[in-house]
Amino acid sequence: MIPGAAQNHTAPEIMTLAEAAAYLRLSKSTLYQRKDIPRHRIPKSREVRFLKEELLAWLRSGHVAPAPTDSDVLTLPLDRTAAAVYHRNPRYR
């Protein structure tokens, strides 16, 4: 085995959800919700893993979802005559 060969070929750094959230300075729920962030699911599991190189490439690409503008948000006036909301307790119907 050549001592210098280990330095040339390094394994990709695999990060857990918490590690990736700390690395990107985002919350864990944001990482779950944002589908544009590259991720890999573990087969037959709900866990996800992130590759550091892919996260760096995602950051450098600048392909970040645009923030919603005021024109994207539908605002309606309050309707005080709306029907009662169903509640299983009859006292609150």
PDB file of N, CA and C in Angstrom:
ATOM      1  N   MET A   1       0.849  -1.179   0.000  1.00  0.00           N
ATOM      2  CA  MET A   1       0.000   0.000   0.000  1.00  0.00           C
ATOM      3  C   MET A   1       0.890   1.235   0.000  1.00  0.00           C
ATOM      4  N   ILE A   2       0.529   2.177  -0.810  1.00  0.00           N
ATOM      5  CA  ILE A   2       1.292   3.414  -0.948  1.00  0.00           C
ATOM      6  C   ILE A   2       0.747   4.431   0.045  1.00  0.00           C
ATOM      7  N   PRO A   3       1.621   5.037   0.875  1.00  0.00           N
ATOM      8  CA  PRO A   3       1.126   5.979   1.878  1.00  0.00           C
ATOM      9  C   PRO A   3       0.433   7.195   1.276  1.00  0.00           C
ATOM     10  N   GLY A   4       0.896   7.697   0.147  1.00  0.00           N
ATOM     11  CA  GLY A   4       0.296   8.883  -0.464  1.00  0.00           C
ATOM     12  C   GLY A   4      -1.016   8.603  -1.162  1.00  0.00           C
ATOM     13  N   ALA A   5      -1.325   7.322  -1.446  1.00  0.00           N
ATOM     14  CA  ALA A   5      -2.549   6.979  -2.170  1.00  0.00           C
ATOM     15  C   ALA A   5      -3.788   7.244  -1.332  1.00  0.00           C
ATOM     16  N   ALA A   6      -3.683   7.092  -0.021  1.00  0.00           N
ATOM     17  CA  ALA A   6      -4.845   7.324   0.841  1.00  0.00           C
ATOM     18  C   ALA A   6      -5.245   8.791   0.827  1.00  0.00           C
ATOM     19  N   GLN A   7      -4.310   9.679   0.631  1.00  0.00           N
ATOM     20  CA  GLN A   7      -4.634  11.099   0.620  1.00  0.00           C
ATOM     21  C   GLN A   7      -5.315  11.509  -0.679  1.00  0.00           C
ATOM     22  N   ASN A   8      -4.999  10.863  -1.789  1.00  0.00           N
ATOM     23  CA  ASN A   8      -5.594  11.215  -3.070  1.00  0.00           C
ATOM     24  C   ASN A   8      -7.041  10.754  -3.172  1.00  0.00           C
ATOM     25  N   HIS A   9      -7.352   9.612  -2.604  1.00  0.00           N
ATOM     26  CA  HIS A   9      -8.705   9.065  -2.699  1.00  0.00           C
ATOM     27  C   HIS A   9      -9.348   9.110  -1.316  1.00  0.00           C
ATOM     28  N   THR A  10     -10.230  10.057  -1.120  1.00  0.00           N
ATOM     29  CA  THR A  10     -10.900  10.165   0.168  1.00  0.00           C
ATOM     30  C   THR A  10     -12.356   9.790  -0.001  1.00  0.00           C
ATOM     31  N   ALA A  11     -12.908   9.192   1.020  1.00  0.00           N
ATOM     32  CA  ALA A  11     -14.319   8.812   0.997  1.00  0.00           C
ATOM     33  C   ALA A  11     -15.167  10.056   1.178  1.00  0.00           C
ATOM     34  N   PRO A  12     -16.341  10.087   0.568  1.00  0.00           N
ATOM     35  CA  PRO A  12     -17.207  11.269   0.727  1.00  0.00           C
ATOM     36  C   PRO A  12     -17.680  11.378   2.172  1.00  0.00           C
ATOM     37  N   GLU A  13     -17.735  12.603   2.654  1.00  0.00           N
ATOM     38  CA  GLU A  13     -18.200  12.815   4.022  1.00  0.00           C
ATOM     39  C   GLU A  13     -19.721  12.747   4.038  1.00  0.00           C
ATOM     40  N   ILE A  14     -20.243  11.794   4.794  1.00  0.00           N
ATOM     41  CA  ILE A  14     -21.683  11.583   4.901  1.00  0.00           C
ATOM     42  C   ILE A  14     -22.150  12.231   6.198  1.00  0.00           C
ATOM     43  N   MET A  15     -23.198  13.049   6.088  1.00  0.00           N
ATOM     44  CA  MET A  15     -23.691  13.795   7.237  1.00  0.00           C
ATOM     45  C   MET A  15     -25.110  13.367   7.583  1.00  0.00           C
ATOM     46  N   THR A  16     -25.401  13.335   8.867  1.00  0.00           N
ATOM     47  CA  THR A  16     -26.764  13.074   9.321  1.00  0.00           C
ATOM     48  C   THR A  16     -27.585  14.352   9.168  1.00  0.00           C
ATOM     49  N   LEU A  17     -28.864  14.252   9.467  1.00  0.00           N
ATOM     50  CA  LEU A  17     -29.748  15.416   9.369  1.00  0.00           C
ATOM     51  C   LEU A  17     -29.290  16.528  10.304  1.00  0.00           C
ATOM     52  N   ALA A  18     -28.961  16.188  11.535  1.00  0.00           N
ATOM     53  CA  ALA A  18     -28.534  17.193  12.511  1.00  0.00           C
ATOM     54  C   ALA A  18     -27.211  17.837  12.099  1.00  0.00           C
ATOM     55  N   GLU A  19     -26.288  17.039  11.591  1.00  0.00           N
ATOM     56  CA  GLU A  19     -25.001  17.576  11.157  1.00  0.00           C
ATOM     57  C   GLU A  19     -25.165  18.507   9.957  1.00  0.00           C
ATOM     58  N   ALA A  20     -26.000  18.099   9.005  1.00  0.00           N
ATOM     59  CA  ALA A  20     -26.229  18.939   7.828  1.00  0.00           C
ATOM     60  C   ALA A  20     -26.940  20.235   8.210  1.00  0.00           C
ATOM     61  N   ALA A  21     -27.867  20.155   9.158  1.00  0.00           N
ATOM     62  CA  ALA A  21     -28.565  21.363   9.607  1.00  0.00           C
ATOM     63  C   ALA A  21     -27.590  22.333  10.268  1.00  0.00           C
ATOM     64  N   ALA A  22     -26.692  21.804  11.077  1.00  0.00           N
ATOM     65  CA  ALA A  22     -25.698  22.664  11.719  1.00  0.00           C
ATOM     66  C   ALA A  22     -24.725  23.224  10.683  1.00  0.00           C
ATOM     67  N   TYR A  23     -24.355  22.422   9.699  1.00  0.00           N
ATOM     68  CA  TYR A  23     -23.413  22.847   8.668  1.00  0.00           C
ATOM     69  C   TYR A  23     -24.003  23.963   7.805  1.00  0.00           C
ATOM     70  N   LEU A  24     -25.273  23.820   7.425  1.00  0.00           N
ATOM     71  CA  LEU A  24     -25.936  24.807   6.576  1.00  0.00           C
ATOM     72  C   LEU A  24     -26.560  25.953   7.373  1.00  0.00           C
ATOM     73  N   ARG A  25     -26.564  25.815   8.696  1.00  0.00           N
ATOM     74  CA  ARG A  25     -27.201  26.786   9.582  1.00  0.00           C
ATOM     75  C   ARG A  25     -28.684  26.935   9.267  1.00  0.00           C
ATOM     76  N   LEU A  26     -29.324  25.791   9.095  1.00  0.00           N
ATOM     77  CA  LEU A  26     -30.770  25.721   8.871  1.00  0.00           C
ATOM     78  C   LEU A  26     -31.368  24.810   9.931  1.00  0.00           C
ATOM     79  N   SER A  27     -32.662  24.884  10.114  1.00  0.00           N
ATOM     80  CA  SER A  27     -33.307  23.974  11.049  1.00  0.00           C
ATOM     81  C   SER A  27     -33.509  22.612  10.385  1.00  0.00           C
ATOM     82  N   LYS A  28     -33.704  21.605  11.210  1.00  0.00           N
ATOM     83  CA  LYS A  28     -33.922  20.260  10.676  1.00  0.00           C
ATOM     84  C   LYS A  28     -35.224  20.200   9.892  1.00  0.00           C
ATOM     85  N   SER A  29     -36.243  20.915  10.343  1.00  0.00           N
ATOM     86  CA  SER A  29     -37.515  20.905   9.622  1.00  0.00           C
ATOM     87  C   SER A  29     -37.378  21.564   8.254  1.00  0.00           C
ATOM     88  N   THR A  30     -36.520  22.570   8.145  1.00  0.00           N
ATOM     89  CA  THR A  30     -36.292  23.206   6.846  1.00  0.00           C
ATOM     90  C   THR A  30     -35.645  22.220   5.881  1.00  0.00           C
ATOM     91  N   LEU A  31     -34.707  21.420   6.377  1.00  0.00           N
ATOM     92  CA  LEU A  31     -34.077  20.424   5.509  1.00  0.00           C
ATOM     93  C   LEU A  31     -35.091  19.383   5.045  1.00  0.00           C
ATOM     94  N   TYR A  32     -36.034  19.027   5.888  1.00  0.00           N
ATOM     95  CA  TYR A  32     -37.077  18.082   5.469  1.00  0.00           C
ATOM     96  C   TYR A  32     -37.991  18.707   4.423  1.00  0.00           C
ATOM     97  N   GLN A  33     -38.341  19.967   4.602  1.00  0.00           N
ATOM     98  CA  GLN A  33     -39.321  20.608   3.733  1.00  0.00           C
ATOM     99  C   GLN A  33     -38.754  21.019   2.386  1.00  0.00           C
ATOM    100  N   ARG A  34     -37.505  21.442   2.343  1.00  0.00           N
ATOM    101  CA  ARG A  34     -36.911  21.916   1.096  1.00  0.00           C
ATOM    102  C   ARG A  34     -36.502  20.723   0.249  1.00  0.00           C
ATOM    103  N   LYS A  35     -37.195  20.514  -0.850  1.00  0.00           N
ATOM    104  CA  LYS A  35     -36.915  19.372  -1.726  1.00  0.00           C
ATOM    105  C   LYS A  35     -35.787  19.652  -2.699  1.00  0.00           C
ATOM    106  N   ASP A  36     -35.318  20.915  -2.773  1.00  0.00           N
ATOM    107  CA  ASP A  36     -34.236  21.234  -3.692  1.00  0.00           C
ATOM    108  C   ASP A  36     -32.857  20.959  -3.081  1.00  0.00           C
ATOM    109  N   ILE A  37     -32.803  20.649  -1.795  1.00  0.00           N
ATOM    110  CA  ILE A  37     -31.536  20.323  -1.148  1.00  0.00           C
ATOM    111  C   ILE A  37     -31.246  18.847  -1.400  1.00  0.00           C
ATOM    112  N   PRO A  38     -30.068  18.514  -1.955  1.00  0.00           N
ATOM    113  CA  PRO A  38     -29.771  17.113  -2.274  1.00  0.00           C
ATOM    114  C   PRO A  38     -29.691  16.245  -1.020  1.00  0.00           C
ATOM    115  N   ARG A  39     -30.339  15.094  -1.086  1.00  0.00           N
ATOM    116  CA  ARG A  39     -30.390  14.169   0.048  1.00  0.00           C
ATOM    117  C   ARG A  39     -30.456  12.745  -0.455  1.00  0.00           C
ATOM    118  N   HIS A  40     -30.167  11.811   0.411  1.00  0.00           N
ATOM    119  CA  HIS A  40     -30.235  10.390   0.083  1.00  0.00           C
ATOM    120  C   HIS A  40     -30.950   9.672   1.212  1.00  0.00           C
ATOM    121  N   ARG A  41     -31.990   8.927   0.858  1.00  0.00           N
ATOM    122  CA  ARG A  41     -32.723   8.152   1.852  1.00  0.00           C
ATOM    123  C   ARG A  41     -32.060   6.793   2.034  1.00  0.00           C
ATOM    124  N   ILE A  42     -32.027   6.351   3.274  1.00  0.00           N
ATOM    125  CA  ILE A  42     -31.524   5.014   3.560  1.00  0.00           C
ATOM    126  C   ILE A  42     -32.646   4.046   3.207  1.00  0.00           C
ATOM    127  N   PRO A  43     -32.346   2.984   2.426  1.00  0.00           N
ATOM    128  CA  PRO A  43     -33.398   2.042   2.022  1.00  0.00           C
ATOM    129  C   PRO A  43     -34.108   1.428   3.232  1.00  0.00           C
ATOM    130  N   LYS A  44     -35.416   1.300   3.117  1.00  0.00           N
ATOM    131  CA  LYS A  44     -36.290   0.736   4.148  1.00  0.00           C
ATOM    132  C   LYS A  44     -36.182   1.495   5.463  1.00  0.00           C
ATOM    133  N   SER A  45     -35.999   2.802   5.364  1.00  0.00           N
ATOM    134  CA  SER A  45     -35.874   3.635   6.553  1.00  0.00           C
ATOM    135  C   SER A  45     -36.405   5.026   6.233  1.00  0.00           C
ATOM    136  N   ARG A  46     -36.680   5.767   7.263  1.00  0.00           N
ATOM    137  CA  ARG A  46     -37.122   7.150   7.082  1.00  0.00           C
ATOM    138  C   ARG A  46     -35.967   8.131   7.214  1.00  0.00           C
ATOM    139  N   GLU A  47     -34.787   7.613   7.489  1.00  0.00           N
ATOM    140  CA  GLU A  47     -33.636   8.473   7.711  1.00  0.00           C
ATOM    141  C   GLU A  47     -33.062   8.978   6.395  1.00  0.00           C
ATOM    142  N   VAL A  48     -32.503  10.172   6.449  1.00  0.00           N
ATOM    143  CA  VAL A  48     -31.851  10.760   5.285  1.00  0.00           C
ATOM    144  C   VAL A  48     -30.397  11.069   5.639  1.00  0.00           C
ATOM    145  N   ARG A  49     -29.572  11.050   4.617  1.00  0.00           N
ATOM    146  CA  ARG A  49     -28.164  11.406   4.766  1.00  0.00           C
ATOM    147  C   ARG A  49     -27.813  12.418   3.687  1.00  0.00           C
ATOM    148  N   PHE A  50     -26.812  13.220   3.960  1.00  0.00           N
ATOM    149  CA  PHE A  50     -26.388  14.273   3.054  1.00  0.00           C
ATOM    150  C   PHE A  50     -24.905  14.115   2.779  1.00  0.00           C
ATOM    151  N   LEU A  51     -24.502  14.337   1.527  1.00  0.00           N
ATOM    152  CA  LEU A  51     -23.091  14.327   1.170  1.00  0.00           C
ATOM    153  C   LEU A  51     -22.582  15.760   1.192  1.00  0.00           C
ATOM    154  N   LYS A  52     -21.447  15.956   1.839  1.00  0.00           N
ATOM    155  CA  LYS A  52     -20.911  17.300   2.009  1.00  0.00           C
ATOM    156  C   LYS A  52     -20.609  17.957   0.669  1.00  0.00           C
ATOM    157  N   GLU A  53     -20.064  17.182  -0.286  1.00  0.00           N
ATOM    158  CA  GLU A  53     -19.750  17.758  -1.600  1.00  0.00           C
ATOM    159  C   GLU A  53     -21.011  18.238  -2.314  1.00  0.00           C
ATOM    160  N   GLU A  54     -22.098  17.466  -2.190  1.00  0.00           N
ATOM    161  CA  GLU A  54     -23.350  17.860  -2.837  1.00  0.00           C
ATOM    162  C   GLU A  54     -23.936  19.110  -2.190  1.00  0.00           C
ATOM    163  N   LEU A  55     -23.809  19.218  -0.874  1.00  0.00           N
ATOM    164  CA  LEU A  55     -24.303  20.417  -0.199  1.00  0.00           C
ATOM    165  C   LEU A  55     -23.497  21.644  -0.613  1.00  0.00           C
ATOM    166  N   LEU A  56     -22.184  21.480  -0.730  1.00  0.00           N
ATOM    167  CA  LEU A  56     -21.348  22.593  -1.188  1.00  0.00           C
ATOM    168  C   LEU A  56     -21.703  22.999  -2.612  1.00  0.00           C
ATOM    169  N   ALA A  57     -21.919  22.006  -3.488  1.00  0.00           N
ATOM    170  CA  ALA A  57     -22.300  22.304  -4.870  1.00  0.00           C
ATOM    171  C   ALA A  57     -23.656  23.001  -4.913  1.00  0.00           C
ATOM    172  N   TRP A  58     -24.578  22.578  -4.052  1.00  0.00           N
ATOM    173  CA  TRP A  58     -25.903  23.203  -3.999  1.00  0.00           C
ATOM    174  C   TRP A  58     -25.785  24.665  -3.554  1.00  0.00           C
ATOM    175  N   LEU A  59     -24.922  24.904  -2.561  1.00  0.00           N
ATOM    176  CA  LEU A  59     -24.730  26.280  -2.101  1.00  0.00           C
ATOM    177  C   LEU A  59     -24.098  27.151  -3.182  1.00  0.00           C
ATOM    178  N   ARG A  60     -23.108  26.606  -3.873  1.00  0.00           N
ATOM    179  CA  ARG A  60     -22.417  27.373  -4.913  1.00  0.00           C
ATOM    180  C   ARG A  60     -23.300  27.633  -6.127  1.00  0.00           C
ATOM    181  N   SER A  61     -24.220  26.721  -6.414  1.00  0.00           N
ATOM    182  CA  SER A  61     -25.066  26.882  -7.595  1.00  0.00           C
ATOM    183  C   SER A  61     -26.031  28.049  -7.451  1.00  0.00           C
ATOM    184  N   GLY A  62     -26.411  28.340  -6.223  1.00  0.00           N
ATOM    185  CA  GLY A  62     -27.323  29.457  -6.007  1.00  0.00           C
ATOM    186  C   GLY A  62     -28.752  29.152  -6.394  1.00  0.00           C
ATOM    187  N   HIS A  63     -29.073  27.893  -6.632  1.00  0.00           N
ATOM    188  CA  HIS A  63     -30.440  27.515  -6.985  1.00  0.00           C
ATOM    189  C   HIS A  63     -31.269  27.397  -5.717  1.00  0.00           C
ATOM    190  N   VAL A  64     -31.594  28.534  -5.172  1.00  0.00           N
ATOM    191  CA  VAL A  64     -32.383  28.589  -3.955  1.00  0.00           C
ATOM    192  C   VAL A  64     -33.797  28.972  -4.344  1.00  0.00           C
ATOM    193  N   ALA A  65     -34.773  28.320  -3.741  1.00  0.00           N
ATOM    194  CA  ALA A  65     -36.165  28.613  -4.054  1.00  0.00           C
ATOM    195  C   ALA A  65     -36.463  30.071  -3.716  1.00  0.00           C
ATOM    196  N   PRO A  66     -37.146  30.797  -4.599  1.00  0.00           N
ATOM    197  CA  PRO A  66     -37.433  32.207  -4.331  1.00  0.00           C
ATOM    198  C   PRO A  66     -38.386  32.366  -3.154  1.00  0.00           C
ATOM    199  N   ALA A  67     -38.188  33.406  -2.410  1.00  0.00           N
ATOM    200  CA  ALA A  67     -39.076  33.709  -1.288  1.00  0.00           C
ATOM    201  C   ALA A  67     -40.417  34.175  -1.839  1.00  0.00           C
ATOM    202  N   PRO A  68     -41.512  33.825  -1.190  1.00  0.00           N
ATOM    203  CA  PRO A  68     -42.817  34.262  -1.677  1.00  0.00           C
ATOM    204  C   PRO A  68     -42.956  35.776  -1.589  1.00  0.00           C
ATOM    205  N   THR A  69     -43.500  36.354  -2.628  1.00  0.00           N
ATOM    206  CA  THR A  69     -43.739  37.796  -2.637  1.00  0.00           C
ATOM    207  C   THR A  69     -45.164  38.073  -2.207  1.00  0.00           C
ATOM    208  N   ASP A  70     -45.478  39.331  -2.019  1.00  0.00           N
ATOM    209  CA  ASP A  70     -46.824  39.691  -1.582  1.00  0.00           C
ATOM    210  C   ASP A  70     -47.872  39.317  -2.620  1.00  0.00           C
ATOM    211  N   SER A  71     -47.502  39.317  -3.899  1.00  0.00           N
ATOM    212  CA  SER A  71     -48.471  38.985  -4.934  1.00  0.00           C
ATOM    213  C   SER A  71     -48.778  37.490  -4.951  1.00  0.00           C
ATOM    214  N   ASP A  72     -47.878  36.658  -4.389  1.00  0.00           N
ATOM    215  CA  ASP A  72     -48.109  35.216  -4.345  1.00  0.00           C
ATOM    216  C   ASP A  72     -49.074  34.820  -3.230  1.00  0.00           C
ATOM    217  N   VAL A  73     -49.218  35.675  -2.239  1.00  0.00           N
ATOM    218  CA  VAL A  73     -50.044  35.350  -1.089  1.00  0.00           C
ATOM    219  C   VAL A  73     -51.448  35.882  -1.329  1.00  0.00           C
ATOM    220  N   LEU A  74     -52.418  35.008  -1.175  1.00  0.00           N
ATOM    221  CA  LEU A  74     -53.817  35.388  -1.348  1.00  0.00           C
ATOM    222  C   LEU A  74     -54.353  35.854  -0.003  1.00  0.00           C
ATOM    223  N   THR A  75     -54.783  37.080   0.064  1.00  0.00           N
ATOM    224  CA  THR A  75     -55.341  37.619   1.307  1.00  0.00           C
ATOM    225  C   THR A  75     -56.824  37.868   1.105  1.00  0.00           C
ATOM    226  N   LEU A  76     -57.597  37.351   2.017  1.00  0.00           N
ATOM    227  CA  LEU A  76     -59.042  37.507   1.971  1.00  0.00           C
ATOM    228  C   LEU A  76     -59.514  38.228   3.218  1.00  0.00           C
ATOM    229  N   PRO A  77     -60.567  39.033   3.105  1.00  0.00           N
ATOM    230  CA  PRO A  77     -61.103  39.673   4.313  1.00  0.00           C
ATOM    231  C   PRO A  77     -61.735  38.614   5.211  1.00  0.00           C
ATOM    232  N   LEU A  78     -61.759  38.892   6.481  1.00  0.00           N
ATOM    233  CA  LEU A  78     -62.358  37.957   7.424  1.00  0.00           C
ATOM    234  C   LEU A  78     -63.856  37.861   7.172  1.00  0.00           C
ATOM    235  N   ASP A  79     -64.345  36.653   7.167  1.00  0.00           N
ATOM    236  CA  ASP A  79     -65.769  36.419   6.957  1.00  0.00           C
ATOM    237  C   ASP A  79     -66.376  36.041   8.299  1.00  0.00           C
ATOM    238  N   ARG A  80     -67.075  36.965   8.911  1.00  0.00           N
ATOM    239  CA  ARG A  80     -67.638  36.722  10.239  1.00  0.00           C
ATOM    240  C   ARG A  80     -68.898  35.873  10.177  1.00  0.00           C
ATOM    241  N   THR A  81     -69.471  35.665   9.008  1.00  0.00           N
ATOM    242  CA  THR A  81     -70.686  34.872   8.894  1.00  0.00           C
ATOM    243  C   THR A  81     -70.375  33.449   8.441  1.00  0.00           C
ATOM    244  N   ALA A  82     -69.142  33.010   8.633  1.00  0.00           N
ATOM    245  CA  ALA A  82     -68.771  31.667   8.205  1.00  0.00           C
ATOM    246  C   ALA A  82     -69.508  30.643   9.054  1.00  0.00           C
ATOM    247  N   ALA A  83     -69.707  29.467   8.474  1.00  0.00           N
ATOM    248  CA  ALA A  83     -70.385  28.393   9.185  1.00  0.00           C
ATOM    249  C   ALA A  83     -69.547  27.946  10.374  1.00  0.00           C
ATOM    250  N   ALA A  84     -70.211  27.377  11.364  1.00  0.00           N
ATOM    251  CA  ALA A  84     -69.528  26.919  12.565  1.00  0.00           C
ATOM    252  C   ALA A  84     -68.576  25.775  12.218  1.00  0.00           C
ATOM    253  N   VAL A  85     -67.488  25.730  12.910  1.00  0.00           N
ATOM    254  CA  VAL A  85     -66.500  24.682  12.703  1.00  0.00           C
ATOM    255  C   VAL A  85     -66.906  23.475  13.526  1.00  0.00           C
ATOM    256  N   TYR A  86     -66.810  22.289  12.954  1.00  0.00           N
ATOM    257  CA  TYR A  86     -67.177  21.079  13.670  1.00  0.00           C
ATOM    258  C   TYR A  86     -66.201  20.821  14.799  1.00  0.00           C
ATOM    259  N   HIS A  87     -66.738  20.543  15.962  1.00  0.00           N
ATOM    260  CA  HIS A  87     -65.941  20.132  17.109  1.00  0.00           C
ATOM    261  C   HIS A  87     -66.669  18.962  17.733  1.00  0.00           C
ATOM    262  N   ARG A  88     -65.934  17.948  18.158  1.00  0.00           N
ATOM    263  CA  ARG A  88     -66.625  16.756  18.656  1.00  0.00           C
ATOM    264  C   ARG A  88     -67.368  17.027  19.966  1.00  0.00           C
ATOM    265  N   ASN A  89     -66.981  18.032  20.702  1.00  0.00           N
ATOM    266  CA  ASN A  89     -67.702  18.401  21.910  1.00  0.00           C
ATOM    267  C   ASN A  89     -68.845  19.327  21.507  1.00  0.00           C
ATOM    268  N   PRO A  90     -70.101  18.940  21.778  1.00  0.00           N
ATOM    269  CA  PRO A  90     -71.237  19.758  21.322  1.00  0.00           C
ATOM    270  C   PRO A  90     -71.267  21.148  21.962  1.00  0.00           C
ATOM    271  N   ARG A  91     -70.606  21.326  23.075  1.00  0.00           N
ATOM    272  CA  ARG A  91     -70.580  22.623  23.713  1.00  0.00           C
ATOM    273  C   ARG A  91     -69.880  23.661  22.821  1.00  0.00           C
ATOM    274  N   TYR A  92     -68.923  23.225  22.015  1.00  0.00           N
ATOM    275  CA  TYR A  92     -68.138  24.143  21.191  1.00  0.00           C
ATOM    276  C   TYR A  92     -68.584  24.186  19.747  1.00  0.00           C
ATOM    277  N   ARG A  93     -69.709  23.575  19.415  1.00  0.00           N
ATOM    278  CA  ARG A  93     -70.185  23.590  18.024  1.00  0.00           C
ATOM    279  C   ARG A  93     -70.896  24.866  17.717  1.00  0.00           C
TER     280      ARG A  93
END
